[in-house]
């Protein structure tokens, strides 16, 4: 007898539940990924921090001058924006190949598929942890002090992570079946970068189109709930509601897709 739709959904919940329960597998794999990438390097993963610091300094000087924005205001803004945009875009890009890159493990070892999505997210979270060290140095350089609003970045990061997980899960399944999807996603993220206030500030937009361009951009809301508290501002209620709505809608779609095609992933690989 073929499994019912309820049975498929139960299997999907079980896969995710076991992966979360055995999260040490994902963390171990992710640490090994980062360590292997920088093996025999004296600086190690801090090369990522150095590269990001150089990029922030260069873009901060160039775009701060072009936008005629004081460095005390613009440098922390682009610092936080680039760090978290790097986390978001890299997580999504690598989420496309979460199953493809783990082909050998999936075909030989009995392990929850969601573990490989967690592994990808944890790996990028480790890189984020290295890069975020630049933030207090930038504040010190421009003479700014963090406010108590900084603690709101923690729930913002949680809701950001929840949204990234369902996006990565959907893309991992789709890209395992349609390999060209990886290139499509990479090109789309390049376009989204320029449509999202990462290197430019929302107030620089003309009045007529500013709200429409921002409110319809999900990445603006996702990055705002983390960036604004770090800059001493409160995210708007629209930002929070949009992120929560994305999480509810996205996880519903992801669970339905994952439950329907989870058993086919090994055959696609």
C-alpha atoms as a PDB file:
ATOM      1  CA  UNK A   1       0.000   0.000   0.000  1.00  0.00           C
ATOM      2  CA  UNK A   2       1.349   3.430  -0.953  1.00  0.00           C
ATOM      3  CA  UNK A   3       1.846   5.912   1.876  1.00  0.00           C
ATOM      4  CA  UNK A   4      -0.931   8.468   2.271  1.00  0.00           C
ATOM      5  CA  UNK A   5      -0.356  12.203   2.190  1.00  0.00           C
ATOM      6  CA  UNK A   6      -0.602  12.199   5.971  1.00  0.00           C
ATOM      7  CA  UNK A   7       2.039   9.494   6.076  1.00  0.00           C
ATOM      8  CA  UNK A   8       4.374  11.531   3.868  1.00  0.00           C
ATOM      9  CA  UNK A   9       3.880  14.579   6.102  1.00  0.00           C
ATOM     10  CA  UNK A  10       4.570  12.504   9.218  1.00  0.00           C
ATOM     11  CA  UNK A  11       7.804  11.237   7.667  1.00  0.00           C
ATOM     12  CA  UNK A  12       8.849  14.801   6.861  1.00  0.00           C
ATOM     13  CA  UNK A  13       8.200  15.929  10.447  1.00  0.00           C
ATOM     14  CA  UNK A  14      10.117  12.880  11.705  1.00  0.00           C
ATOM     15  CA  UNK A  15      13.073  13.674   9.441  1.00  0.00           C
ATOM     16  CA  UNK A  16      13.256  17.270  10.688  1.00  0.00           C
ATOM     17  CA  UNK A  17      12.674  16.221  14.294  1.00  0.00           C
ATOM     18  CA  UNK A  18      15.469  13.639  14.265  1.00  0.00           C
ATOM     19  CA  UNK A  19      17.820  16.120  12.568  1.00  0.00           C
ATOM     20  CA  UNK A  20      17.146  18.703  15.275  1.00  0.00           C
ATOM     21  CA  UNK A  21      17.505  16.098  18.025  1.00  0.00           C
ATOM     22  CA  UNK A  22      20.852  14.956  16.572  1.00  0.00           C
ATOM     23  CA  UNK A  23      22.006  18.482  15.812  1.00  0.00           C
ATOM     24  CA  UNK A  24      25.529  17.544  16.890  1.00  0.00           C
ATOM     25  CA  UNK A  25      25.940  15.806  13.523  1.00  0.00           C
ATOM     26  CA  UNK A  26      25.318  19.047  11.644  1.00  0.00           C
ATOM     27  CA  UNK A  27      27.533  21.090  13.960  1.00  0.00           C
ATOM     28  CA  UNK A  28      30.376  18.591  13.677  1.00  0.00           C
ATOM     29  CA  UNK A  29      30.183  18.520   9.884  1.00  0.00           C
ATOM     30  CA  UNK A  30      30.037  22.325   9.711  1.00  0.00           C
ATOM     31  CA  UNK A  31      33.092  22.771  11.942  1.00  0.00           C
ATOM     32  CA  UNK A  32      34.979  20.289   9.784  1.00  0.00           C
ATOM     33  CA  UNK A  33      33.948  22.155   6.626  1.00  0.00           C
ATOM     34  CA  UNK A  34      35.356  25.438   7.918  1.00  0.00           C
ATOM     35  CA  UNK A  35      38.469  23.841   9.403  1.00  0.00           C
ATOM     36  CA  UNK A  36      39.233  21.917   6.205  1.00  0.00           C
ATOM     37  CA  UNK A  37      38.836  25.010   4.068  1.00  0.00           C
ATOM     38  CA  UNK A  38      41.557  26.837   6.038  1.00  0.00           C
ATOM     39  CA  UNK A  39      43.750  23.916   7.005  1.00  0.00           C
ATOM     40  CA  UNK A  40      47.457  24.790   7.413  1.00  0.00           C
ATOM     41  CA  UNK A  41      46.649  28.509   7.389  1.00  0.00           C
ATOM     42  CA  UNK A  42      48.097  30.487  10.281  1.00  0.00           C
ATOM     43  CA  UNK A  43      45.209  32.943  10.340  1.00  0.00           C
ATOM     44  CA  UNK A  44      42.583  30.305   9.567  1.00  0.00           C
ATOM     45  CA  UNK A  45      38.962  31.349   9.220  1.00  0.00           C
ATOM     46  CA  UNK A  46      39.865  34.876  10.287  1.00  0.00           C
ATOM     47  CA  UNK A  47      40.886  35.443   6.674  1.00  0.00           C
ATOM     48  CA  UNK A  48      37.130  35.784   6.148  1.00  0.00           C
ATOM     49  CA  UNK A  49      37.051  38.537   8.759  1.00  0.00           C
ATOM     50  CA  UNK A  50      40.016  40.311   7.169  1.00  0.00           C
ATOM     51  CA  UNK A  51      38.463  40.135   3.695  1.00  0.00           C
ATOM     52  CA  UNK A  52      35.127  41.417   4.977  1.00  0.00           C
ATOM     53  CA  UNK A  53      36.841  44.228   6.901  1.00  0.00           C
ATOM     54  CA  UNK A  54      38.696  45.386   3.796  1.00  0.00           C
ATOM     55  CA  UNK A  55      35.473  45.276   1.763  1.00  0.00           C
ATOM     56  CA  UNK A  56      33.565  47.263   4.392  1.00  0.00           C
ATOM     57  CA  UNK A  57      36.292  49.899   4.579  1.00  0.00           C
ATOM     58  CA  UNK A  58      36.542  50.292   0.805  1.00  0.00           C
ATOM     59  CA  UNK A  59      32.801  50.380   0.088  1.00  0.00           C
ATOM     60  CA  UNK A  60      32.178  52.563   3.124  1.00  0.00           C
ATOM     61  CA  UNK A  61      34.592  55.182   1.855  1.00  0.00           C
ATOM     62  CA  UNK A  62      33.387  55.061  -1.778  1.00  0.00           C
ATOM     63  CA  UNK A  63      29.614  54.959  -1.228  1.00  0.00           C
ATOM     64  CA  UNK A  64      29.722  57.190   1.829  1.00  0.00           C
ATOM     65  CA  UNK A  65      31.401  59.825  -0.309  1.00  0.00           C
ATOM     66  CA  UNK A  66      28.986  59.313  -3.228  1.00  0.00           C
ATOM     67  CA  UNK A  67      25.904  59.526  -0.988  1.00  0.00           C
ATOM     68  CA  UNK A  68      27.443  62.380   1.028  1.00  0.00           C
ATOM     69  CA  UNK A  69      26.641  60.590   4.266  1.00  0.00           C
ATOM     70  CA  UNK A  70      28.759  61.131   7.407  1.00  0.00           C
ATOM     71  CA  UNK A  71      31.087  58.186   8.035  1.00  0.00           C
ATOM     72  CA  UNK A  72      29.928  58.018  11.648  1.00  0.00           C
ATOM     73  CA  UNK A  73      26.503  57.042  10.322  1.00  0.00           C
ATOM     74  CA  UNK A  74      27.262  55.225   7.079  1.00  0.00           C
ATOM     75  CA  UNK A  75      30.188  53.010   8.092  1.00  0.00           C
ATOM     76  CA  UNK A  76      28.268  51.108  10.831  1.00  0.00           C
ATOM     77  CA  UNK A  77      25.304  50.845   8.444  1.00  0.00           C
ATOM     78  CA  UNK A  78      27.236  49.233   5.600  1.00  0.00           C
ATOM     79  CA  UNK A  79      29.190  47.108   8.063  1.00  0.00           C
ATOM     80  CA  UNK A  80      26.093  45.426   9.500  1.00  0.00           C
ATOM     81  CA  UNK A  81      24.389  45.324   6.094  1.00  0.00           C
ATOM     82  CA  UNK A  82      27.235  43.557   4.313  1.00  0.00           C
ATOM     83  CA  UNK A  83      27.849  41.102   7.142  1.00  0.00           C
ATOM     84  CA  UNK A  84      24.241  39.943   7.312  1.00  0.00           C
ATOM     85  CA  UNK A  85      23.666  40.098   3.572  1.00  0.00           C
ATOM     86  CA  UNK A  86      26.683  37.838   3.186  1.00  0.00           C
ATOM     87  CA  UNK A  87      25.115  35.440   5.680  1.00  0.00           C
ATOM     88  CA  UNK A  88      21.752  35.500   3.901  1.00  0.00           C
ATOM     89  CA  UNK A  89      23.002  35.223   0.320  1.00  0.00           C
ATOM     90  CA  UNK A  90      25.657  32.592   1.025  1.00  0.00           C
ATOM     91  CA  UNK A  91      23.218  30.470   3.039  1.00  0.00           C
ATOM     92  CA  UNK A  92      20.705  30.557   0.187  1.00  0.00           C
ATOM     93  CA  UNK A  93      23.311  29.891  -2.507  1.00  0.00           C
ATOM     94  CA  UNK A  94      24.839  26.985  -0.614  1.00  0.00           C
ATOM     95  CA  UNK A  95      21.380  25.754   0.343  1.00  0.00           C
ATOM     96  CA  UNK A  96      20.828  25.027  -3.346  1.00  0.00           C
ATOM     97  CA  UNK A  97      23.597  22.412  -3.200  1.00  0.00           C
ATOM     98  CA  UNK A  98      22.950  21.134   0.338  1.00  0.00           C
ATOM     99  CA  UNK A  99      21.798  17.730  -0.951  1.00  0.00           C
ATOM    100  CA  UNK A 100      23.964  17.688  -4.061  1.00  0.00           C
ATOM    101  CA  UNK A 101      27.141  18.334  -2.092  1.00  0.00           C
ATOM    102  CA  UNK A 102      26.247  15.586   0.390  1.00  0.00           C
ATOM    103  CA  UNK A 103      25.502  13.027  -2.328  1.00  0.00           C
ATOM    104  CA  UNK A 104      28.018  10.496  -1.020  1.00  0.00           C
ATOM    105  CA  UNK A 105      26.633  10.619   2.523  1.00  0.00           C
ATOM    106  CA  UNK A 106      22.984  10.501   1.431  1.00  0.00           C
ATOM    107  CA  UNK A 107      23.530   7.463  -0.791  1.00  0.00           C
ATOM    108  CA  UNK A 108      25.622   5.520   1.724  1.00  0.00           C
ATOM    109  CA  UNK A 109      24.544   6.549   5.239  1.00  0.00           C
ATOM    110  CA  UNK A 110      21.093   6.522   6.763  1.00  0.00           C
ATOM    111  CA  UNK A 111      20.748  10.069   8.044  1.00  0.00           C
ATOM    112  CA  UNK A 112      17.945  12.685   8.081  1.00  0.00           C
ATOM    113  CA  UNK A 113      18.077  14.829   4.962  1.00  0.00           C
ATOM    114  CA  UNK A 114      17.389  17.953   6.986  1.00  0.00           C
ATOM    115  CA  UNK A 115      20.757  17.428   8.702  1.00  0.00           C
ATOM    116  CA  UNK A 116      22.467  18.582   5.510  1.00  0.00           C
ATOM    117  CA  UNK A 117      20.406  21.785   5.465  1.00  0.00           C
ATOM    118  CA  UNK A 118      21.346  22.432   9.105  1.00  0.00           C
ATOM    119  CA  UNK A 119      24.970  21.707   8.267  1.00  0.00           C
ATOM    120  CA  UNK A 120      24.934  24.397   5.585  1.00  0.00           C
ATOM    121  CA  UNK A 121      23.283  26.926   7.891  1.00  0.00           C
ATOM    122  CA  UNK A 122      25.646  26.193  10.795  1.00  0.00           C
ATOM    123  CA  UNK A 123      28.663  26.564   8.517  1.00  0.00           C
ATOM    124  CA  UNK A 124      27.547  30.028   7.491  1.00  0.00           C
ATOM    125  CA  UNK A 125      26.662  30.895  11.082  1.00  0.00           C
ATOM    126  CA  UNK A 126      30.267  30.138  12.056  1.00  0.00           C
ATOM    127  CA  UNK A 127      31.468  32.489   9.324  1.00  0.00           C
ATOM    128  CA  UNK A 128      28.962  35.086  10.546  1.00  0.00           C
ATOM    129  CA  UNK A 129      30.410  34.732  14.041  1.00  0.00           C
ATOM    130  CA  UNK A 130      33.870  35.571  12.684  1.00  0.00           C
ATOM    131  CA  UNK A 131      32.629  38.527  10.632  1.00  0.00           C
ATOM    132  CA  UNK A 132      30.494  40.096  13.352  1.00  0.00           C
ATOM    133  CA  UNK A 133      33.723  40.832  15.260  1.00  0.00           C
ATOM    134  CA  UNK A 134      34.200  43.724  12.834  1.00  0.00           C
ATOM    135  CA  UNK A 135      31.077  45.474  14.157  1.00  0.00           C
ATOM    136  CA  UNK A 136      32.423  46.612  17.581  1.00  0.00           C
ATOM    137  CA  UNK A 137      35.673  47.701  15.925  1.00  0.00           C
ATOM    138  CA  UNK A 138      33.733  49.886  13.492  1.00  0.00           C
ATOM    139  CA  UNK A 139      31.717  51.412  16.333  1.00  0.00           C
ATOM    140  CA  UNK A 140      34.934  52.133  18.176  1.00  0.00           C
ATOM    141  CA  UNK A 141      36.493  53.670  15.063  1.00  0.00           C
ATOM    142  CA  UNK A 142      33.610  56.108  14.506  1.00  0.00           C
ATOM    143  CA  UNK A 143      33.094  56.875  18.193  1.00  0.00           C
ATOM    144  CA  UNK A 144      29.606  55.384  18.574  1.00  0.00           C
ATOM    145  CA  UNK A 145      28.258  53.391  21.490  1.00  0.00           C
ATOM    146  CA  UNK A 146      25.677  50.572  21.192  1.00  0.00           C
ATOM    147  CA  UNK A 147      22.272  51.120  22.785  1.00  0.00           C
ATOM    148  CA  UNK A 148      20.017  48.730  24.692  1.00  0.00           C
ATOM    149  CA  UNK A 149      18.130  48.130  21.441  1.00  0.00           C
ATOM    150  CA  UNK A 150      20.980  45.843  20.434  1.00  0.00           C
ATOM    151  CA  UNK A 151      19.367  42.978  22.365  1.00  0.00           C
ATOM    152  CA  UNK A 152      16.407  43.017  19.952  1.00  0.00           C
ATOM    153  CA  UNK A 153      18.814  41.694  17.321  1.00  0.00           C
ATOM    154  CA  UNK A 154      18.620  38.272  19.031  1.00  0.00           C
ATOM    155  CA  UNK A 155      14.917  37.596  18.308  1.00  0.00           C
ATOM    156  CA  UNK A 156      15.482  39.194  14.921  1.00  0.00           C
ATOM    157  CA  UNK A 157      18.248  36.703  14.206  1.00  0.00           C
ATOM    158  CA  UNK A 158      15.996  33.832  15.280  1.00  0.00           C
ATOM    159  CA  UNK A 159      13.215  34.826  12.892  1.00  0.00           C
ATOM    160  CA  UNK A 160      15.798  35.410  10.140  1.00  0.00           C
ATOM    161  CA  UNK A 161      17.215  31.923  10.688  1.00  0.00           C
ATOM    162  CA  UNK A 162      13.770  30.329  10.626  1.00  0.00           C
ATOM    163  CA  UNK A 163      13.082  31.954   7.273  1.00  0.00           C
ATOM    164  CA  UNK A 164      16.443  30.947   5.850  1.00  0.00           C
ATOM    165  CA  UNK A 165      15.856  27.318   6.826  1.00  0.00           C
ATOM    166  CA  UNK A 166      12.633  26.942   4.862  1.00  0.00           C
ATOM    167  CA  UNK A 167      14.100  28.757   1.863  1.00  0.00           C
ATOM    168  CA  UNK A 168      17.147  26.473   1.935  1.00  0.00           C
ATOM    169  CA  UNK A 169      15.007  23.359   2.328  1.00  0.00           C
ATOM    170  CA  UNK A 170      12.848  24.211  -0.677  1.00  0.00           C
ATOM    171  CA  UNK A 171      15.856  25.084  -2.821  1.00  0.00           C
ATOM    172  CA  UNK A 172      17.750  21.952  -1.756  1.00  0.00           C
ATOM    173  CA  UNK A 173      14.875  19.783  -2.991  1.00  0.00           C
ATOM    174  CA  UNK A 174      14.262  21.735  -6.205  1.00  0.00           C
ATOM    175  CA  UNK A 175      17.949  22.002  -7.131  1.00  0.00           C
ATOM    176  CA  UNK A 176      18.465  18.276  -6.551  1.00  0.00           C
ATOM    177  CA  UNK A 177      15.882  17.721  -9.288  1.00  0.00           C
ATOM    178  CA  UNK A 178      16.602  20.727 -11.515  1.00  0.00           C
ATOM    179  CA  UNK A 179      20.325  21.479 -11.449  1.00  0.00           C
ATOM    180  CA  UNK A 180      19.992  24.706 -13.458  1.00  0.00           C
ATOM    181  CA  UNK A 181      18.027  26.228 -10.584  1.00  0.00           C
ATOM    182  CA  UNK A 182      21.305  26.899  -8.779  1.00  0.00           C
ATOM    183  CA  UNK A 183      22.428  29.344 -11.451  1.00  0.00           C
ATOM    184  CA  UNK A 184      19.005  30.960 -11.547  1.00  0.00           C
ATOM    185  CA  UNK A 185      19.081  31.574  -7.792  1.00  0.00           C
ATOM    186  CA  UNK A 186      22.591  33.032  -7.926  1.00  0.00           C
ATOM    187  CA  UNK A 187      21.585  35.473 -10.663  1.00  0.00           C
ATOM    188  CA  UNK A 188      18.422  36.450  -8.823  1.00  0.00           C
ATOM    189  CA  UNK A 189      20.366  37.204  -5.638  1.00  0.00           C
ATOM    190  CA  UNK A 190      22.672  39.496  -7.594  1.00  0.00           C
ATOM    191  CA  UNK A 191      19.652  41.500  -8.714  1.00  0.00           C
ATOM    192  CA  UNK A 192      18.074  41.452  -5.255  1.00  0.00           C
ATOM    193  CA  UNK A 193      21.288  42.869  -3.763  1.00  0.00           C
ATOM    194  CA  UNK A 194      20.799  46.103  -5.712  1.00  0.00           C
ATOM    195  CA  UNK A 195      17.066  46.247  -4.967  1.00  0.00           C
ATOM    196  CA  UNK A 196      17.637  45.831  -1.229  1.00  0.00           C
ATOM    197  CA  UNK A 197      19.032  48.651   0.938  1.00  0.00           C
ATOM    198  CA  UNK A 198      22.382  47.076   1.666  1.00  0.00           C
ATOM    199  CA  UNK A 199      24.855  49.521   0.152  1.00  0.00           C
ATOM    200  CA  UNK A 200      22.323  52.345  -0.043  1.00  0.00           C
ATOM    201  CA  UNK A 201      20.058  53.707   2.689  1.00  0.00           C
ATOM    202  CA  UNK A 202      16.244  53.700   2.392  1.00  0.00           C
ATOM    203  CA  UNK A 203      16.030  57.468   2.813  1.00  0.00           C
ATOM    204  CA  UNK A 204      17.964  58.007  -0.434  1.00  0.00           C
ATOM    205  CA  UNK A 205      15.008  56.755  -2.502  1.00  0.00           C
ATOM    206  CA  UNK A 206      12.587  59.227  -4.081  1.00  0.00           C
ATOM    207  CA  UNK A 207       9.414  59.697  -2.065  1.00  0.00           C
ATOM    208  CA  UNK A 208       7.050  58.276  -4.661  1.00  0.00           C
ATOM    209  CA  UNK A 209       8.510  54.774  -4.916  1.00  0.00           C
ATOM    210  CA  UNK A 210      10.285  54.253  -1.618  1.00  0.00           C
ATOM    211  CA  UNK A 211       7.557  52.495   0.360  1.00  0.00           C
ATOM    212  CA  UNK A 212       6.476  50.299  -2.549  1.00  0.00           C
ATOM    213  CA  UNK A 213      10.020  49.144  -3.332  1.00  0.00           C
ATOM    214  CA  UNK A 214      10.782  48.377   0.301  1.00  0.00           C
ATOM    215  CA  UNK A 215       7.511  46.908   1.523  1.00  0.00           C
ATOM    216  CA  UNK A 216       7.326  44.416  -1.345  1.00  0.00           C
ATOM    217  CA  UNK A 217      10.915  43.259  -0.818  1.00  0.00           C
ATOM    218  CA  UNK A 218      11.035  40.353   1.677  1.00  0.00           C
ATOM    219  CA  UNK A 219      14.812  40.643   2.043  1.00  0.00           C
ATOM    220  CA  UNK A 220      14.439  44.208   3.267  1.00  0.00           C
ATOM    221  CA  UNK A 221      12.273  43.019   6.152  1.00  0.00           C
ATOM    222  CA  UNK A 222      14.537  40.047   6.922  1.00  0.00           C
ATOM    223  CA  UNK A 223      17.664  42.156   7.168  1.00  0.00           C
ATOM    224  CA  UNK A 224      15.951  45.037   8.974  1.00  0.00           C
ATOM    225  CA  UNK A 225      14.905  42.985  12.027  1.00  0.00           C
ATOM    226  CA  UNK A 226      18.598  42.294  12.695  1.00  0.00           C
ATOM    227  CA  UNK A 227      20.281  45.412  11.345  1.00  0.00           C
ATOM    228  CA  UNK A 228      18.105  48.107  12.898  1.00  0.00           C
ATOM    229  CA  UNK A 229      18.670  47.067  16.565  1.00  0.00           C
ATOM    230  CA  UNK A 230      22.430  46.922  15.984  1.00  0.00           C
ATOM    231  CA  UNK A 231      22.280  50.485  14.670  1.00  0.00           C
ATOM    232  CA  UNK A 232      20.266  51.726  17.642  1.00  0.00           C
ATOM    233  CA  UNK A 233      16.875  51.748  15.889  1.00  0.00           C
ATOM    234  CA  UNK A 234      13.689  49.769  16.425  1.00  0.00           C
ATOM    235  CA  UNK A 235      12.416  47.609  13.526  1.00  0.00           C
ATOM    236  CA  UNK A 236       8.936  48.608  12.447  1.00  0.00           C
ATOM    237  CA  UNK A 237       5.859  46.531  13.185  1.00  0.00           C
ATOM    238  CA  UNK A 238       5.637  45.928   9.430  1.00  0.00           C
ATOM    239  CA  UNK A 239       9.109  44.355   9.464  1.00  0.00           C
ATOM    240  CA  UNK A 240       8.170  41.946  12.261  1.00  0.00           C
ATOM    241  CA  UNK A 241       4.771  41.053  10.830  1.00  0.00           C
ATOM    242  CA  UNK A 242       6.233  40.449   7.381  1.00  0.00           C
ATOM    243  CA  UNK A 243       8.994  38.186   8.726  1.00  0.00           C
ATOM    244  CA  UNK A 244       6.566  36.175  10.859  1.00  0.00           C
ATOM    245  CA  UNK A 245       4.173  35.888   7.929  1.00  0.00           C
ATOM    246  CA  UNK A 246       6.988  34.709   5.652  1.00  0.00           C
ATOM    247  CA  UNK A 247       7.968  32.064   8.210  1.00  0.00           C
ATOM    248  CA  UNK A 248       4.443  30.686   8.570  1.00  0.00           C
ATOM    249  CA  UNK A 249       3.725  30.650   4.848  1.00  0.00           C
ATOM    250  CA  UNK A 250       7.193  29.438   3.906  1.00  0.00           C
ATOM    251  CA  UNK A 251       7.326  26.549   6.377  1.00  0.00           C
ATOM    252  CA  UNK A 252       3.881  25.399   5.276  1.00  0.00           C
ATOM    253  CA  UNK A 253       5.037  25.284   1.654  1.00  0.00           C
ATOM    254  CA  UNK A 254       8.389  23.726   2.580  1.00  0.00           C
ATOM    255  CA  UNK A 255       6.801  20.934   4.620  1.00  0.00           C
ATOM    256  CA  UNK A 256       4.361  20.095   1.851  1.00  0.00           C
ATOM    257  CA  UNK A 257       7.127  19.999  -0.759  1.00  0.00           C
ATOM    258  CA  UNK A 258       9.554  18.089   1.463  1.00  0.00           C
ATOM    259  CA  UNK A 259       6.949  15.524   2.466  1.00  0.00           C
ATOM    260  CA  UNK A 260       5.988  14.929  -1.155  1.00  0.00           C
ATOM    261  CA  UNK A 261       9.471  14.570  -2.642  1.00  0.00           C
ATOM    262  CA  UNK A 262      11.742  13.592   0.268  1.00  0.00           C
ATOM    263  CA  UNK A 263      11.895   9.936  -0.803  1.00  0.00           C
ATOM    264  CA  UNK A 264      12.875  10.899  -4.352  1.00  0.00           C
ATOM    265  CA  UNK A 265      15.945  12.952  -3.459  1.00  0.00           C
ATOM    266  CA  UNK A 266      18.359   9.949  -3.401  1.00  0.00           C
ATOM    267  CA  UNK A 267      17.146   8.904  -6.876  1.00  0.00           C
ATOM    268  CA  UNK A 268      17.685  12.419  -8.235  1.00  0.00           C
ATOM    269  CA  UNK A 269      21.240  12.409  -6.947  1.00  0.00           C
END
